[in-house]
Full PDB file with SEQRES, HELIX, SHEET, SSBOND, CRYST1, ORIGX, SCALE, CONECT and MASTER records, all heavy atoms in Angstrom:
SEQRES   1 A   32  GLY SER LEU ARG LEU SER CYS ALA ALA SER ARG THR GLY          
SEQRES   2 A   32  PHE ASN ARG TYR ALA MET GLY TRP TYR ARG GLN ALA PRO          
SEQRES   3 A   32  GLY LYS GLN ARG GLU LEU                                      
HELIX    1 AA1 PHE A   14  ARG A   16  5                                   3    
CRYST1    1.000    1.000    1.000  90.00  90.00  90.00 P 1           1          
ORIGX1      1.000000  0.000000  0.000000        0.00000                         
ORIGX2      0.000000  1.000000  0.000000        0.00000                         
ORIGX3      0.000000  0.000000  1.000000        0.00000                         
SCALE1      1.000000  0.000000  0.000000        0.00000                         
SCALE2      0.000000  1.000000  0.000000        0.00000                         
SCALE3      0.000000  0.000000  1.000000        0.00000                         
ATOM      1  N   GLY A   1      17.583  -1.989   8.612  1.00  0.00           N  
ATOM      2  CA  GLY A   1      17.265  -1.715  10.005  1.00  0.00           C  
ATOM      3  C   GLY A   1      15.789  -1.446  10.231  1.00  0.00           C  
ATOM      4  O   GLY A   1      14.970  -1.539   9.317  1.00  0.00           O  
ATOM      5  N   SER A   2      15.476  -1.111  11.482  1.00  0.00           N  
ATOM      6  CA  SER A   2      14.083  -0.890  11.891  1.00  0.00           C  
ATOM      7  C   SER A   2      13.955   0.407  12.670  1.00  0.00           C  
ATOM      8  O   SER A   2      14.907   0.848  13.333  1.00  0.00           O  
ATOM      9  CB  SER A   2      13.595  -2.044  12.772  1.00  0.00           C  
ATOM     10  OG  SER A   2      13.613  -3.266  12.074  1.00  0.00           O  
ATOM     11  N   LEU A   3      12.777   0.980  12.598  1.00  0.00           N  
ATOM     12  CA  LEU A   3      12.392   2.127  13.411  1.00  0.00           C  
ATOM     13  C   LEU A   3      10.917   1.982  13.756  1.00  0.00           C  
ATOM     14  O   LEU A   3      10.153   1.376  12.991  1.00  0.00           O  
ATOM     15  CB  LEU A   3      12.593   3.459  12.666  1.00  0.00           C  
ATOM     16  CG  LEU A   3      13.996   4.025  12.523  1.00  0.00           C  
ATOM     17  CD1 LEU A   3      13.955   5.261  11.633  1.00  0.00           C  
ATOM     18  CD2 LEU A   3      14.601   4.357  13.873  1.00  0.00           C  
ATOM     19  N   ARG A   4      10.535   2.569  14.884  1.00  0.00           N  
ATOM     20  CA  ARG A   4       9.111   2.643  15.225  1.00  0.00           C  
ATOM     21  C   ARG A   4       8.754   4.104  15.441  1.00  0.00           C  
ATOM     22  O   ARG A   4       9.317   4.768  16.323  1.00  0.00           O  
ATOM     23  CB  ARG A   4       8.770   1.830  16.475  1.00  0.00           C  
ATOM     24  CG  ARG A   4       7.258   1.755  16.691  1.00  0.00           C  
ATOM     25  CD  ARG A   4       6.859   0.905  17.867  1.00  0.00           C  
ATOM     26  NE  ARG A   4       7.022   1.601  19.137  1.00  0.00           N  
ATOM     27  CZ  ARG A   4       6.367   1.276  20.242  1.00  0.00           C  
ATOM     28  NH1 ARG A   4       5.505   0.266  20.238  1.00  0.00           N  
ATOM     29  NH2 ARG A   4       6.600   1.946  21.363  1.00  0.00           N  
ATOM     30  N   LEU A   5       7.821   4.583  14.631  1.00  0.00           N  
ATOM     31  CA  LEU A   5       7.315   5.933  14.781  1.00  0.00           C  
ATOM     32  C   LEU A   5       6.101   5.933  15.696  1.00  0.00           C  
ATOM     33  O   LEU A   5       5.309   4.979  15.693  1.00  0.00           O  
ATOM     34  CB  LEU A   5       6.928   6.512  13.423  1.00  0.00           C  
ATOM     35  CG  LEU A   5       8.000   6.499  12.339  1.00  0.00           C  
ATOM     36  CD1 LEU A   5       7.466   7.186  11.083  1.00  0.00           C  
ATOM     37  CD2 LEU A   5       9.279   7.137  12.813  1.00  0.00           C  
ATOM     38  N   SER A   6       5.958   7.005  16.463  1.00  0.00           N  
ATOM     39  CA  SER A   6       4.803   7.171  17.340  1.00  0.00           C  
ATOM     40  C   SER A   6       4.119   8.498  17.015  1.00  0.00           C  
ATOM     41  O   SER A   6       4.770   9.460  16.599  1.00  0.00           O  
ATOM     42  CB  SER A   6       5.235   7.181  18.803  1.00  0.00           C  
ATOM     43  OG  SER A   6       5.861   5.978  19.168  1.00  0.00           O  
ATOM     44  N   CYS A   7       2.810   8.514  17.208  1.00  0.00           N  
ATOM     45  CA  CYS A   7       2.018   9.732  17.003  1.00  0.00           C  
ATOM     46  C   CYS A   7       1.036   9.831  18.159  1.00  0.00           C  
ATOM     47  O   CYS A   7       0.069   9.054  18.216  1.00  0.00           O  
ATOM     48  CB  CYS A   7       1.298   9.667  15.668  1.00  0.00           C  
ATOM     49  SG  CYS A   7       0.138  11.019  15.373  1.00  0.00           S  
ATOM     50  N   ALA A   8       1.281  10.766  19.055  1.00  0.00           N  
ATOM     51  CA  ALA A   8       0.441  10.931  20.239  1.00  0.00           C  
ATOM     52  C   ALA A   8      -0.618  11.990  19.962  1.00  0.00           C  
ATOM     53  O   ALA A   8      -0.300  13.095  19.518  1.00  0.00           O  
ATOM     54  CB  ALA A   8       1.298  11.333  21.429  1.00  0.00           C  
ATOM     55  N   ALA A   9      -1.868  11.647  20.235  1.00  0.00           N  
ATOM     56  CA  ALA A   9      -2.992  12.559  20.016  1.00  0.00           C  
ATOM     57  C   ALA A   9      -3.436  13.177  21.330  1.00  0.00           C  
ATOM     58  O   ALA A   9      -3.391  12.536  22.384  1.00  0.00           O  
ATOM     59  CB  ALA A   9      -4.159  11.818  19.377  1.00  0.00           C  
ATOM     60  N   SER A  10      -3.901  14.421  21.248  1.00  0.00           N  
ATOM     61  CA  SER A  10      -4.299  15.154  22.450  1.00  0.00           C  
ATOM     62  C   SER A  10      -5.759  14.938  22.792  1.00  0.00           C  
ATOM     63  O   SER A  10      -6.270  15.543  23.743  1.00  0.00           O  
ATOM     64  CB  SER A  10      -4.049  16.652  22.252  1.00  0.00           C  
ATOM     65  OG  SER A  10      -4.838  17.154  21.184  1.00  0.00           O  
ATOM     66  N   ARG A  11      -6.434  14.081  22.040  1.00  0.00           N  
ATOM     67  CA  ARG A  11      -7.871  13.914  22.220  1.00  0.00           C  
ATOM     68  C   ARG A  11      -8.211  12.444  22.369  1.00  0.00           C  
ATOM     69  O   ARG A  11      -7.602  11.594  21.734  1.00  0.00           O  
ATOM     70  CB  ARG A  11      -8.593  14.512  21.017  1.00  0.00           C  
ATOM     71  CG  ARG A  11     -10.092  14.428  21.041  1.00  0.00           C  
ATOM     72  CD  ARG A  11     -10.667  15.319  19.945  1.00  0.00           C  
ATOM     73  NE  ARG A  11     -12.068  15.059  19.685  1.00  0.00           N  
ATOM     74  CZ  ARG A  11     -12.822  15.793  18.891  1.00  0.00           C  
ATOM     75  NH1 ARG A  11     -12.302  16.830  18.267  1.00  0.00           N  
ATOM     76  NH2 ARG A  11     -14.083  15.503  18.676  1.00  0.00           N  
ATOM     77  N   THR A  12      -9.196  12.133  23.171  1.00  0.00           N  
ATOM     78  CA  THR A  12      -9.620  10.749  23.348  1.00  0.00           C  
ATOM     79  C   THR A  12     -10.594  10.361  22.238  1.00  0.00           C  
ATOM     80  O   THR A  12     -10.905  11.154  21.361  1.00  0.00           O  
ATOM     81  CB  THR A  12     -10.290  10.566  24.716  1.00  0.00           C  
ATOM     82  OG1 THR A  12     -11.412  11.470  24.795  1.00  0.00           O  
ATOM     83  CG2 THR A  12      -9.333  10.898  25.844  1.00  0.00           C  
ATOM     84  N   GLY A  13     -11.088   9.122  22.301  1.00  0.00           N  
ATOM     85  CA  GLY A  13     -11.966   8.616  21.244  1.00  0.00           C  
ATOM     86  C   GLY A  13     -11.172   8.215  20.030  1.00  0.00           C  
ATOM     87  O   GLY A  13     -11.685   8.123  18.919  1.00  0.00           O  
ATOM     88  N   PHE A  14      -9.934   7.953  20.276  1.00  0.00           N  
ATOM     89  CA  PHE A  14      -8.927   7.685  19.270  1.00  0.00           C  
ATOM     90  C   PHE A  14      -9.359   6.614  18.269  1.00  0.00           C  
ATOM     91  O   PHE A  14      -9.132   6.729  17.064  1.00  0.00           O  
ATOM     92  CB  PHE A  14      -7.694   7.228  20.037  1.00  0.00           C  
ATOM     93  CG  PHE A  14      -6.424   7.263  19.303  1.00  0.00           C  
ATOM     94  CD1 PHE A  14      -5.779   8.443  19.051  1.00  0.00           C  
ATOM     95  CD2 PHE A  14      -5.844   6.091  18.876  1.00  0.00           C  
ATOM     96  CE1 PHE A  14      -4.575   8.470  18.388  1.00  0.00           C  
ATOM     97  CE2 PHE A  14      -4.651   6.100  18.216  1.00  0.00           C  
ATOM     98  CZ  PHE A  14      -4.007   7.290  17.971  1.00  0.00           C  
ATOM     99  N   ASN A  15      -9.945   5.561  18.771  1.00  0.00           N  
ATOM    100  CA  ASN A  15     -10.217   4.404  17.929  1.00  0.00           C  
ATOM    101  C   ASN A  15     -11.352   4.652  16.945  1.00  0.00           C  
ATOM    102  O   ASN A  15     -11.583   3.834  16.056  1.00  0.00           O  
ATOM    103  CB  ASN A  15     -10.535   3.179  18.792  1.00  0.00           C  
ATOM    104  CG  ASN A  15     -11.704   3.430  19.725  1.00  0.00           C  
ATOM    105  OD1 ASN A  15     -11.777   4.456  20.360  1.00  0.00           O  
ATOM    106  ND2 ASN A  15     -12.608   2.477  19.807  1.00  0.00           N  
ATOM    107  N   ARG A  16     -12.041   5.791  17.050  1.00  0.00           N  
ATOM    108  CA  ARG A  16     -13.137   6.071  16.120  1.00  0.00           C  
ATOM    109  C   ARG A  16     -12.663   6.822  14.877  1.00  0.00           C  
ATOM    110  O   ARG A  16     -13.422   6.968  13.926  1.00  0.00           O  
ATOM    111  CB  ARG A  16     -14.207   6.905  16.813  1.00  0.00           C  
ATOM    112  CG  ARG A  16     -14.855   6.229  17.998  1.00  0.00           C  
ATOM    113  CD  ARG A  16     -16.154   6.930  18.385  1.00  0.00           C  
ATOM    114  NE  ARG A  16     -15.914   8.329  18.732  1.00  0.00           N  
ATOM    115  CZ  ARG A  16     -15.694   8.756  19.967  1.00  0.00           C  
ATOM    116  NH1 ARG A  16     -15.633   7.902  20.956  1.00  0.00           N  
ATOM    117  NH2 ARG A  16     -15.522  10.043  20.211  1.00  0.00           N  
ATOM    118  N   TYR A  17     -11.422   7.292  14.887  1.00  0.00           N  
ATOM    119  CA  TYR A  17     -10.969   8.126  13.795  1.00  0.00           C  
ATOM    120  C   TYR A  17     -10.334   7.289  12.694  1.00  0.00           C  
ATOM    121  O   TYR A  17      -9.719   6.264  12.953  1.00  0.00           O  
ATOM    122  CB  TYR A  17      -9.926   9.135  14.272  1.00  0.00           C  
ATOM    123  CG  TYR A  17     -10.302   9.914  15.501  1.00  0.00           C  
ATOM    124  CD1 TYR A  17      -9.339  10.362  16.374  1.00  0.00           C  
ATOM    125  CD2 TYR A  17     -11.627  10.197  15.800  1.00  0.00           C  
ATOM    126  CE1 TYR A  17      -9.662  11.080  17.509  1.00  0.00           C  
ATOM    127  CE2 TYR A  17     -11.971  10.903  16.940  1.00  0.00           C  
ATOM    128  CZ  TYR A  17     -10.993  11.345  17.791  1.00  0.00           C  
ATOM    129  OH  TYR A  17     -11.305  12.042  18.920  1.00  0.00           O  
ATOM    130  N   ALA A  18     -10.425   7.819  11.464  1.00  0.00           N  
ATOM    131  CA  ALA A  18      -9.578   7.300  10.391  1.00  0.00           C  
ATOM    132  C   ALA A  18      -8.224   7.966  10.567  1.00  0.00           C  
ATOM    133  O   ALA A  18      -8.121   9.189  10.601  1.00  0.00           O  
ATOM    134  CB  ALA A  18     -10.162   7.652   9.034  1.00  0.00           C  
ATOM    135  N   MET A  19      -7.190   7.158  10.729  1.00  0.00           N  
ATOM    136  CA  MET A  19      -5.857   7.694  11.018  1.00  0.00           C  
ATOM    137  C   MET A  19      -4.827   6.944  10.194  1.00  0.00           C  
ATOM    138  O   MET A  19      -5.066   5.813   9.751  1.00  0.00           O  
ATOM    139  CB  MET A  19      -5.502   7.519  12.499  1.00  0.00           C  
ATOM    140  CG  MET A  19      -6.426   8.222  13.439  1.00  0.00           C  
ATOM    141  SD  MET A  19      -5.799   8.207  15.132  1.00  0.00           S  
ATOM    142  CE  MET A  19      -4.387   9.310  14.997  1.00  0.00           C  
ATOM    143  N   GLY A  20      -3.686   7.578  10.026  1.00  0.00           N  
ATOM    144  CA  GLY A  20      -2.641   6.886   9.296  1.00  0.00           C  
ATOM    145  C   GLY A  20      -1.382   7.709   9.161  1.00  0.00           C  
ATOM    146  O   GLY A  20      -1.199   8.708   9.861  1.00  0.00           O  
ATOM    147  N   TRP A  21      -0.541   7.246   8.253  1.00  0.00           N  
ATOM    148  CA  TRP A  21       0.771   7.846   8.019  1.00  0.00           C  
ATOM    149  C   TRP A  21       0.962   8.128   6.531  1.00  0.00           C  
ATOM    150  O   TRP A  21       0.695   7.272   5.687  1.00  0.00           O  
ATOM    151  CB  TRP A  21       1.881   6.892   8.476  1.00  0.00           C  
ATOM    152  CG  TRP A  21       1.898   6.620   9.928  1.00  0.00           C  
ATOM    153  CD1 TRP A  21       1.242   5.617  10.597  1.00  0.00           C  
ATOM    154  CD2 TRP A  21       2.617   7.351  10.921  1.00  0.00           C  
ATOM    155  NE1 TRP A  21       1.506   5.689  11.939  1.00  0.00           N  
ATOM    156  CE2 TRP A  21       2.358   6.745  12.165  1.00  0.00           C  
ATOM    157  CE3 TRP A  21       3.465   8.457  10.890  1.00  0.00           C  
ATOM    158  CZ2 TRP A  21       2.907   7.208  13.365  1.00  0.00           C  
ATOM    159  CZ3 TRP A  21       4.009   8.914  12.071  1.00  0.00           C  
ATOM    160  CH2 TRP A  21       3.729   8.294  13.287  1.00  0.00           C  
ATOM    161  N   TYR A  22       1.420   9.336   6.258  1.00  0.00           N  
ATOM    162  CA  TYR A  22       1.897   9.698   4.934  1.00  0.00           C  
ATOM    163  C   TYR A  22       3.411   9.921   5.036  1.00  0.00           C  
ATOM    164  O   TYR A  22       3.955  10.079   6.120  1.00  0.00           O  
ATOM    165  CB  TYR A  22       1.257  11.013   4.467  1.00  0.00           C  
ATOM    166  CG  TYR A  22      -0.077  10.889   3.804  1.00  0.00           C  
ATOM    167  CD1 TYR A  22      -1.237  10.756   4.555  1.00  0.00           C  
ATOM    168  CD2 TYR A  22      -0.184  10.945   2.423  1.00  0.00           C  
ATOM    169  CE1 TYR A  22      -2.477  10.674   3.947  1.00  0.00           C  
ATOM    170  CE2 TYR A  22      -1.427  10.867   1.796  1.00  0.00           C  
ATOM    171  CZ  TYR A  22      -2.562  10.733   2.565  1.00  0.00           C  
ATOM    172  OH  TYR A  22      -3.785  10.648   1.950  1.00  0.00           O  
ATOM    173  N   ARG A  23       4.047   9.960   3.893  1.00  0.00           N  
ATOM    174  CA  ARG A  23       5.443  10.365   3.830  1.00  0.00           C  
ATOM    175  C   ARG A  23       5.674  11.223   2.595  1.00  0.00           C  
ATOM    176  O   ARG A  23       4.942  11.113   1.612  1.00  0.00           O  
ATOM    177  CB  ARG A  23       6.384   9.164   3.828  1.00  0.00           C  
ATOM    178  CG  ARG A  23       6.317   8.308   2.581  1.00  0.00           C  
ATOM    179  CD  ARG A  23       7.208   7.066   2.741  1.00  0.00           C  
ATOM    180  NE  ARG A  23       7.171   6.211   1.560  1.00  0.00           N  
ATOM    181  CZ  ARG A  23       7.732   4.999   1.503  1.00  0.00           C  
ATOM    182  NH1 ARG A  23       8.389   4.522   2.563  1.00  0.00           N  
ATOM    183  NH2 ARG A  23       7.657   4.287   0.396  1.00  0.00           N  
ATOM    184  N   GLN A  24       6.702  12.045   2.686  1.00  0.00           N  
ATOM    185  CA  GLN A  24       7.060  12.885   1.557  1.00  0.00           C  
ATOM    186  C   GLN A  24       8.570  12.963   1.443  1.00  0.00           C  
ATOM    187  O   GLN A  24       9.242  13.432   2.366  1.00  0.00           O  
ATOM    188  CB  GLN A  24       6.457  14.287   1.679  1.00  0.00           C  
ATOM    189  CG  GLN A  24       6.651  15.122   0.436  1.00  0.00           C  
ATOM    190  CD  GLN A  24       5.760  16.344   0.412  1.00  0.00           C  
ATOM    191  OE1 GLN A  24       5.284  16.812   1.449  1.00  0.00           O  
ATOM    192  NE2 GLN A  24       5.513  16.870  -0.782  1.00  0.00           N  
ATOM    193  N   ALA A  25       9.063  12.490   0.315  1.00  0.00           N  
ATOM    194  CA  ALA A  25      10.487  12.563   0.030  1.00  0.00           C  
ATOM    195  C   ALA A  25      10.765  13.835  -0.769  1.00  0.00           C  
ATOM    196  O   ALA A  25       9.870  14.364  -1.436  1.00  0.00           O  
ATOM    197  CB  ALA A  25      10.920  11.329  -0.760  1.00  0.00           C  
ATOM    198  N   PRO A  26      11.992  14.324  -0.724  1.00  0.00           N  
ATOM    199  CA  PRO A  26      12.332  15.547  -1.465  1.00  0.00           C  
ATOM    200  C   PRO A  26      12.007  15.416  -2.944  1.00  0.00           C  
ATOM    201  O   PRO A  26      12.366  14.432  -3.590  1.00  0.00           O  
ATOM    202  CB  PRO A  26      13.844  15.673  -1.241  1.00  0.00           C  
ATOM    203  CG  PRO A  26      14.103  14.977   0.040  1.00  0.00           C  
ATOM    204  CD  PRO A  26      13.128  13.829   0.065  1.00  0.00           C  
ATOM    205  N   GLY A  27      11.282  16.408  -3.462  1.00  0.00           N  
ATOM    206  CA  GLY A  27      10.948  16.425  -4.881  1.00  0.00           C  
ATOM    207  C   GLY A  27       9.843  15.483  -5.289  1.00  0.00           C  
ATOM    208  O   GLY A  27       9.550  15.343  -6.483  1.00  0.00           O  
ATOM    209  N   LYS A  28       9.197  14.830  -4.313  1.00  0.00           N  
ATOM    210  CA  LYS A  28       8.125  13.882  -4.616  1.00  0.00           C  
ATOM    211  C   LYS A  28       6.831  14.295  -3.938  1.00  0.00           C  
ATOM    212  O   LYS A  28       6.832  15.056  -2.982  1.00  0.00           O  
ATOM    213  CB  LYS A  28       8.521  12.470  -4.178  1.00  0.00           C  
ATOM    214  CG  LYS A  28       9.704  11.893  -4.940  1.00  0.00           C  
ATOM    215  CD  LYS A  28       9.920  10.437  -4.583  1.00  0.00           C  
ATOM    216  CE  LYS A  28      11.048   9.839  -5.401  1.00  0.00           C  
ATOM    217  NZ  LYS A  28      11.265   8.403  -5.083  1.00  0.00           N  
ATOM    218  N   GLN A  29       5.736  13.741  -4.464  1.00  0.00           N  
ATOM    219  CA  GLN A  29       4.439  14.012  -3.854  1.00  0.00           C  
ATOM    220  C   GLN A  29       4.287  13.231  -2.554  1.00  0.00           C  
ATOM    221  O   GLN A  29       4.915  12.190  -2.354  1.00  0.00           O  
ATOM    222  CB  GLN A  29       3.319  13.622  -4.823  1.00  0.00           C  
ATOM    223  CG  GLN A  29       3.199  14.550  -6.026  1.00  0.00           C  
ATOM    224  CD  GLN A  29       1.951  14.256  -6.837  1.00  0.00           C  
ATOM    225  OE1 GLN A  29       1.490  13.122  -6.880  1.00  0.00           O  
ATOM    226  NE2 GLN A  29       1.414  15.276  -7.479  1.00  0.00           N  
ATOM    227  N   ARG A  30       3.410  13.745  -1.690  1.00  0.00           N  
ATOM    228  CA  ARG A  30       3.126  13.039  -0.449  1.00  0.00           C  
ATOM    229  C   ARG A  30       2.438  11.712  -0.779  1.00  0.00           C  
ATOM    230  O   ARG A  30       1.548  11.660  -1.620  1.00  0.00           O  
ATOM    231  CB  ARG A  30       2.236  13.907   0.439  1.00  0.00           C  
ATOM    232  CG  ARG A  30       2.091  13.407   1.845  1.00  0.00           C  
ATOM    233  CD  ARG A  30       1.412  14.423   2.737  1.00  0.00           C  
ATOM    234  NE  ARG A  30       2.279  15.563   3.017  1.00  0.00           N  
ATOM    235  CZ  ARG A  30       2.046  16.469   3.959  1.00  0.00           C  
ATOM    236  NH1 ARG A  30       0.952  16.376   4.699  1.00  0.00           N  
ATOM    237  NH2 ARG A  30       2.867  17.469   4.146  1.00  0.00           N  
ATOM    238  N   GLU A  31       2.854  10.671  -0.105  1.00  0.00           N  
ATOM    239  CA  GLU A  31       2.375   9.312  -0.382  1.00  0.00           C  
ATOM    240  C   GLU A  31       1.740   8.716   0.866  1.00  0.00           C  
ATOM    241  O   GLU A  31       2.336   8.767   1.947  1.00  0.00           O  
ATOM    242  CB  GLU A  31       3.571   8.448  -0.823  1.00  0.00           C  
ATOM    243  CG  GLU A  31       3.271   6.969  -0.985  1.00  0.00           C  
ATOM    244  CD  GLU A  31       4.528   6.135  -1.172  1.00  0.00           C  
ATOM    245  OE1 GLU A  31       5.613   6.569  -0.741  1.00  0.00           O  
ATOM    246  OE2 GLU A  31       4.415   5.035  -1.732  1.00  0.00           O  
ATOM    247  N   LEU A  32       0.571   8.108   0.703  1.00  0.00           N  
ATOM    248  CA  LEU A  32      -0.057   7.408   1.825  1.00  0.00           C  
ATOM    249  C   LEU A  32       0.692   6.098   2.049  1.00  0.00           C  
ATOM    250  O   LEU A  32       0.807   5.277   1.140  1.00  0.00           O  
ATOM    251  CB  LEU A  32      -1.527   7.131   1.527  1.00  0.00           C  
ATOM    252  CG  LEU A  32      -2.305   6.396   2.613  1.00  0.00           C  
ATOM    253  CD1 LEU A  32      -2.327   7.189   3.911  1.00  0.00           C  
ATOM    254  CD2 LEU A  32      -3.728   6.104   2.143  1.00  0.00           C  
TER     255      LEU A  32                                                      
MASTER        0    0    0    1    0    0    0    6  254    1    0    3          
END                                                                             
């Protein structure tokens, strides 16, 4: 299946930032 995650920021100038997604599964390190 599919999902789409969203992340809304409270500040403008969005496109100038380095941004991304990490994930962390139980018992595992956070992964980029």
